[in-house]
Structures are given as structure tokens and as C-alpha cells.
Protein backbone atom coordinates (compact mmCIF):
# COMPACT_ATOMS: atom_id res chain seq x y z
CA MET A 1 -0.03 0.04 -0.09
CA THR A 2 1.15 3.45 -0.66
CA ILE A 3 0.83 6.65 1.42
CA THR A 4 -1.76 8.77 -0.33
CA PRO A 5 -1.74 12.54 -0.71
CA ALA A 6 -5.27 12.55 0.92
CA THR A 7 -3.42 10.74 4.13
CA ILE A 8 -0.60 13.42 4.19
CA THR A 9 -3.42 15.97 3.98
CA ARG A 10 -5.25 14.47 6.92
CA LEU A 11 -1.84 14.07 8.94
CA LEU A 12 -0.84 17.72 8.25
CA LYS A 13 -4.58 18.98 9.31
CA GLU A 14 -4.31 16.66 12.65
CA GLN A 15 -0.74 17.81 13.73
CA HIS A 16 -1.76 21.49 12.78
CA ASN A 17 1.04 21.43 10.17
CA THR A 18 3.47 20.87 13.03
CA CYS A 19 6.46 18.14 13.59
CA ALA A 20 4.75 15.35 15.73
CA ASN A 21 7.85 15.58 17.92
CA CYS A 22 9.09 19.02 18.26
CA TRP A 23 5.99 21.01 16.95
CA LYS A 24 8.17 23.06 14.35
CA SER A 25 6.33 24.28 11.44
CA ILE A 26 6.27 21.94 8.49
CA PRO A 27 6.59 21.25 5.49
CA PRO A 28 9.00 20.28 4.74
CA TYR A 29 8.39 16.82 6.46
CA HIS A 30 9.11 13.34 6.34
CA VAL A 31 6.67 10.60 6.92
CA HIS A 32 7.68 8.52 9.97
CA HIS A 33 6.26 4.93 10.70
CA ALA A 34 5.60 5.67 14.21
CA VAL A 35 4.20 2.64 15.89
CA TYR A 36 5.66 -0.41 13.77
CA THR A 37 8.61 0.16 11.63
CA ARG A 38 8.26 0.08 7.72
CA ASP A 39 7.77 -3.25 6.10
CA LYS A 40 6.53 -3.63 2.56
CA ARG A 41 5.44 -7.28 3.35
CA ILE A 42 2.89 -6.35 5.97
CA LYS A 43 -0.29 -4.89 4.70
CA GLY A 44 -1.66 -2.06 7.10
CA LEU A 45 1.74 -0.62 8.03
CA ASP A 46 1.27 2.30 5.77
CA ASP A 47 -2.31 2.82 7.46
CA ILE A 48 -2.73 6.33 8.82
CA GLU A 49 -2.88 4.95 12.35
CA ASN A 50 0.92 4.04 12.04
CA LEU A 51 2.26 7.28 10.50
CA GLN A 52 3.16 10.82 11.72
CA LEU A 53 4.80 13.66 9.99
CA LEU A 54 8.12 14.83 11.55
CA CYS A 55 10.42 17.62 10.32
CA PRO A 56 13.73 16.70 8.69
CA ASP A 57 15.84 16.99 11.81
CA CYS A 58 13.61 14.77 14.13
CA HIS A 59 13.22 12.18 11.38
CA SER A 60 17.23 12.06 10.96
CA ASN A 61 17.60 11.58 14.89
CA HIS A 62 14.56 9.72 15.56
CA GLY A 63 16.17 6.80 17.57
CA TYR A 64 14.58 7.42 21.00
CA LEU A 65 11.08 7.86 18.91
CA SER A 66 11.51 4.22 17.76
CA SER A 67 11.94 3.17 21.41
CA TRP A 68 8.97 1.09 23.31
CA PHE A 69 8.47 4.39 25.17
CA GLY A 70 8.35 6.64 21.89
CA ARG A 71 6.07 4.20 20.12
CA CYS A 72 3.73 4.19 23.23
CA MET A 73 3.79 8.09 22.88
CA ALA A 74 2.68 7.86 19.24
CA TRP A 75 -0.08 5.27 20.06
CA THR A 76 -1.20 7.47 22.80
CA LYS A 77 -1.32 10.53 20.35
CA LYS A 78 -3.24 8.66 17.82
CA ILE A 79 -5.83 7.42 20.60
CA ASP A 80 -6.25 10.93 21.73
CA ALA A 81 -6.99 11.90 17.87
CA GLY A 82 -9.79 9.40 17.74
CA TYR A 83 -8.28 6.36 16.26
CA ASP A 84 -9.48 2.75 17.38
CA MET A 85 -5.76 1.66 17.99
CA ASP A 86 -6.47 -1.91 19.23
CA LYS A 87 -8.74 -2.69 16.23
CA TRP A 88 -6.08 -1.43 13.91
CA GLU A 89 -3.26 -3.38 15.64
CA LYS A 90 -5.65 -6.68 15.72
CA SER A 91 -5.97 -6.34 11.79
CA LEU A 92 -2.38 -6.51 11.22
CA PRO A 93 -1.32 -9.95 9.76
CA MET A 94 1.62 -10.31 12.40
CA LEU A 95 2.53 -13.14 14.40
CA ILE A 96 3.71 -11.18 17.31
CA HIS A 97 2.26 -7.90 18.60
CA ASP A 98 3.92 -5.45 20.83
CA GLN A 99 1.90 -4.50 24.32
CA PHE A 100 1.53 -0.58 24.13
CA ILE A 101 0.04 1.30 26.88
CA TYR A 102 -1.81 4.43 26.86
CA LEU A 103 0.09 7.28 28.45
CA GLY A 104 -2.70 10.01 28.68
CA LYS A 105 -5.10 10.90 31.31
CA LYS A 106 -8.42 8.80 31.38
CA SER A 107 -11.64 10.18 31.42
CA GLU A 108 -13.88 10.24 34.61
CA THR A 109 -16.19 7.44 32.71
CA GLU A 110 -13.10 5.30 31.84
CA LYS A 111 -11.82 5.68 35.47
CA GLN A 112 -15.13 4.29 36.75
CA SER A 113 -15.28 1.22 34.61
């Protein structure tokens, strides 16, 4: 699957035309596979749930963003943006799935359940 112009437009809007890491104004930008690294053999890794836009500086130095904590941060941002990350991850044809945690604040209704 390829990353479409519509996906880029949606990411720019969601990220308010800023880098997902340093909040510097973009473009220019690089597409970063935020939760799972890019693998052309696995369908779904180019889905918007797995993508964020970074400025060139952050993308060239993204080592910590690829750590488990960095990927949990990306997971959290996507949930906060309204994505059903559990459903997306379960749709991936992978034998091993990481266990990501939500790092944000839970709402009062989530705390009661």
C-alpha cells in the first residue's frame, strides 16, 4: 500500500502543520512509521494509524522515537486523535504484536469502569 496525498493532508491537519515531535512548522516533512517500522511485506503498516509527520531534523535523529516509550507516545497521540488503535493493531497480519500502553489521562467514565 502506498501513502496517499489524502493521508498526508489529513496528517497535516491533525498535526496542525507541525512536527509530531518538536512542533516546528512543516513542510518540509518526512513520513515516519511511528508504531511499527515500515515493512512492505505487511499490509497495514502504511495506514494512517501508524504514521506521523516529522521535520527533517527529528526524522534524521528519531532513535528515541523508535523506542518502546516513543512508540507508546505515538500510540497515545493516535488514541487522543480518535483512532481505534486496538482494532487497527488486531487487523495487522503479524505473528507478534507489541503491548503498547496509553500514556494519557483517562476520562472520568473510563476511571469508573
